[in-house]
Amino acid sequence: MELLEINGFYSNVVDAVETRQYTAKDYLKNQHIFLKQLADLLDCDSKAGALVDMQIANLEMAIEEVSK
């Protein structure tokens, strides 16, 4: 078996990796998880904290719509 290195990656290993199919719901849930973790780090009284909280609410509504 021949290994060919391209830009630091072994092409045979990269070819063997199966692609993942993400749905819109999966994508929104990943964003939701990230923003929840970010909200825990931010002060909810700050402007950034308020914006993150609003985005979390928007994502929850979008997840509900996609789940229907």
N, C-alpha and C. Protein backbone atom coordinates (compact mmCIF):
# COMPACT_ATOMS: atom_id res chain seq x y z
N MET A 1 0.85 -1.19 0.00
CA MET A 1 0.00 0.00 0.00
C MET A 1 0.89 1.24 0.00
N GLU A 2 0.67 2.11 -0.92
CA GLU A 2 1.47 3.32 -1.06
C GLU A 2 0.78 4.49 -0.36
N LEU A 3 1.53 5.20 0.48
CA LEU A 3 1.00 6.38 1.13
C LEU A 3 1.50 7.62 0.40
N LEU A 4 0.60 8.46 0.04
CA LEU A 4 0.95 9.69 -0.66
C LEU A 4 0.57 10.85 0.25
N GLU A 5 1.57 11.67 0.61
CA GLU A 5 1.30 12.78 1.51
C GLU A 5 1.04 14.05 0.70
N ILE A 6 -0.12 14.66 0.93
CA ILE A 6 -0.49 15.90 0.26
C ILE A 6 -0.83 16.93 1.33
N ASN A 7 -0.04 17.99 1.40
CA ASN A 7 -0.27 19.07 2.37
C ASN A 7 -0.42 18.56 3.79
N GLY A 8 0.39 17.60 4.20
CA GLY A 8 0.37 17.12 5.57
C GLY A 8 -0.67 16.04 5.83
N PHE A 9 -1.46 15.66 4.85
CA PHE A 9 -2.47 14.62 5.02
C PHE A 9 -2.11 13.42 4.16
N TYR A 10 -2.32 12.25 4.70
CA TYR A 10 -2.14 11.04 3.91
C TYR A 10 -3.41 10.83 3.09
N SER A 11 -3.29 10.85 1.78
CA SER A 11 -4.46 10.81 0.92
C SER A 11 -5.27 9.53 1.10
N ASN A 12 -4.62 8.41 1.39
CA ASN A 12 -5.35 7.15 1.58
C ASN A 12 -6.24 7.23 2.82
N VAL A 13 -5.74 7.87 3.87
CA VAL A 13 -6.52 8.01 5.10
C VAL A 13 -7.68 8.96 4.88
N VAL A 14 -7.45 10.05 4.17
CA VAL A 14 -8.51 11.02 3.90
C VAL A 14 -9.58 10.39 3.03
N ASP A 15 -9.18 9.59 2.04
CA ASP A 15 -10.15 8.93 1.18
C ASP A 15 -11.01 7.94 1.95
N ALA A 16 -10.46 7.35 3.01
CA ALA A 16 -11.18 6.34 3.77
C ALA A 16 -12.23 6.95 4.71
N VAL A 17 -12.12 8.24 4.99
CA VAL A 17 -13.06 8.90 5.89
C VAL A 17 -14.40 9.06 5.19
N GLU A 18 -15.44 8.62 5.86
CA GLU A 18 -16.78 8.73 5.27
C GLU A 18 -17.34 10.12 5.53
N THR A 19 -18.02 10.65 4.56
CA THR A 19 -18.62 11.97 4.73
C THR A 19 -19.86 11.85 5.61
N ARG A 20 -20.16 12.90 6.31
CA ARG A 20 -21.33 12.93 7.18
C ARG A 20 -22.40 13.78 6.53
N GLN A 21 -23.62 13.35 6.68
CA GLN A 21 -24.74 14.12 6.16
C GLN A 21 -25.41 14.82 7.34
N TYR A 22 -25.34 16.13 7.35
CA TYR A 22 -25.97 16.92 8.40
C TYR A 22 -27.30 17.45 7.89
N THR A 23 -28.29 17.35 8.74
CA THR A 23 -29.58 17.94 8.42
C THR A 23 -29.61 19.37 8.97
N ALA A 24 -30.60 20.12 8.57
CA ALA A 24 -30.75 21.48 9.09
C ALA A 24 -30.95 21.45 10.60
N LYS A 25 -31.67 20.45 11.07
CA LYS A 25 -31.90 20.33 12.52
C LYS A 25 -30.59 20.08 13.26
N ASP A 26 -29.72 19.23 12.71
CA ASP A 26 -28.43 18.96 13.34
C ASP A 26 -27.59 20.24 13.40
N TYR A 27 -27.58 20.97 12.33
CA TYR A 27 -26.82 22.22 12.26
C TYR A 27 -27.32 23.21 13.31
N LEU A 28 -28.63 23.37 13.41
CA LEU A 28 -29.21 24.30 14.39
C LEU A 28 -28.93 23.84 15.82
N LYS A 29 -29.00 22.55 16.06
CA LYS A 29 -28.72 22.04 17.41
C LYS A 29 -27.27 22.28 17.80
N ASN A 30 -26.34 22.12 16.85
CA ASN A 30 -24.93 22.40 17.15
C ASN A 30 -24.73 23.87 17.50
N GLN A 31 -25.38 24.76 16.76
CA GLN A 31 -25.29 26.18 17.09
C GLN A 31 -25.90 26.46 18.45
N HIS A 32 -27.01 25.80 18.74
CA HIS A 32 -27.70 25.99 20.02
C HIS A 32 -26.79 25.58 21.18
N ILE A 33 -26.14 24.44 21.05
CA ILE A 33 -25.23 23.96 22.09
C ILE A 33 -24.09 24.96 22.30
N PHE A 34 -23.51 25.44 21.21
CA PHE A 34 -22.42 26.41 21.31
C PHE A 34 -22.87 27.68 22.01
N LEU A 35 -24.04 28.21 21.63
CA LEU A 35 -24.52 29.45 22.23
C LEU A 35 -24.89 29.27 23.70
N LYS A 36 -25.41 28.10 24.07
CA LYS A 36 -25.72 27.84 25.48
C LYS A 36 -24.43 27.87 26.31
N GLN A 37 -23.37 27.27 25.79
CA GLN A 37 -22.09 27.28 26.50
C GLN A 37 -21.53 28.70 26.58
N LEU A 38 -21.68 29.46 25.50
CA LEU A 38 -21.22 30.84 25.49
C LEU A 38 -22.02 31.69 26.48
N ALA A 39 -23.31 31.45 26.56
CA ALA A 39 -24.16 32.22 27.48
C ALA A 39 -23.76 31.97 28.93
N ASP A 40 -23.30 30.77 29.23
CA ASP A 40 -22.85 30.47 30.59
C ASP A 40 -21.61 31.28 30.96
N LEU A 41 -20.80 31.63 29.98
CA LEU A 41 -19.58 32.38 30.23
C LEU A 41 -19.81 33.89 30.29
N LEU A 42 -20.87 34.36 29.62
CA LEU A 42 -21.12 35.80 29.54
C LEU A 42 -22.05 36.25 30.66
N ASP A 43 -21.92 37.51 31.02
CA ASP A 43 -22.83 38.13 31.98
C ASP A 43 -24.12 38.45 31.25
N CYS A 44 -25.25 37.97 31.78
CA CYS A 44 -26.53 38.16 31.09
C CYS A 44 -26.96 39.63 31.06
N ASP A 45 -26.37 40.47 31.92
CA ASP A 45 -26.71 41.89 31.93
C ASP A 45 -25.92 42.69 30.91
N SER A 46 -24.91 42.09 30.32
CA SER A 46 -24.12 42.81 29.32
C SER A 46 -24.84 42.76 27.97
N LYS A 47 -24.40 43.62 27.06
CA LYS A 47 -25.01 43.66 25.74
C LYS A 47 -24.76 42.35 24.99
N ALA A 48 -23.54 41.84 25.09
CA ALA A 48 -23.21 40.58 24.41
C ALA A 48 -24.05 39.43 24.97
N GLY A 49 -24.22 39.40 26.28
CA GLY A 49 -25.04 38.36 26.89
C GLY A 49 -26.48 38.43 26.45
N ALA A 50 -27.01 39.65 26.34
CA ALA A 50 -28.39 39.82 25.88
C ALA A 50 -28.55 39.38 24.43
N LEU A 51 -27.58 39.69 23.59
CA LEU A 51 -27.64 39.29 22.19
C LEU A 51 -27.58 37.77 22.04
N VAL A 52 -26.74 37.13 22.83
CA VAL A 52 -26.64 35.67 22.79
C VAL A 52 -27.95 35.05 23.25
N ASP A 53 -28.54 35.60 24.31
CA ASP A 53 -29.82 35.08 24.80
C ASP A 53 -30.92 35.21 23.74
N MET A 54 -30.93 36.32 23.01
CA MET A 54 -31.93 36.50 21.96
C MET A 54 -31.71 35.50 20.83
N GLN A 55 -30.44 35.26 20.49
CA GLN A 55 -30.14 34.32 19.43
C GLN A 55 -30.52 32.89 19.83
N ILE A 56 -30.37 32.57 21.11
CA ILE A 56 -30.77 31.24 21.60
C ILE A 56 -32.27 31.06 21.43
N ALA A 57 -33.04 32.09 21.75
CA ALA A 57 -34.49 32.01 21.57
C ALA A 57 -34.86 31.84 20.11
N ASN A 58 -34.16 32.56 19.23
CA ASN A 58 -34.42 32.42 17.79
C ASN A 58 -34.09 31.02 17.30
N LEU A 59 -33.00 30.45 17.77
CA LEU A 59 -32.62 29.10 17.37
C LEU A 59 -33.63 28.07 17.87
N GLU A 60 -34.13 28.24 19.08
CA GLU A 60 -35.12 27.31 19.61
C GLU A 60 -36.39 27.32 18.76
N MET A 61 -36.80 28.51 18.32
CA MET A 61 -37.97 28.59 17.44
C MET A 61 -37.68 27.94 16.09
N ALA A 62 -36.48 28.15 15.56
CA ALA A 62 -36.12 27.56 14.27
C ALA A 62 -36.06 26.04 14.36
N ILE A 63 -35.55 25.52 15.47
CA ILE A 63 -35.50 24.06 15.67
C ILE A 63 -36.91 23.48 15.70
N GLU A 64 -37.83 24.17 16.39
CA GLU A 64 -39.21 23.72 16.44
C GLU A 64 -39.84 23.69 15.06
N GLU A 65 -39.59 24.73 14.25
CA GLU A 65 -40.14 24.79 12.91
C GLU A 65 -39.60 23.67 12.02
N VAL A 66 -38.31 23.39 12.14
CA VAL A 66 -37.68 22.36 11.32
C VAL A 66 -38.15 20.97 11.76
N SER A 67 -38.46 20.83 13.04
CA SER A 67 -38.86 19.52 13.58
C SER A 67 -40.27 19.11 13.14
N LYS A 68 -41.06 20.05 12.69
CA LYS A 68 -42.45 19.75 12.30
C LYS A 68 -42.51 18.92 11.06
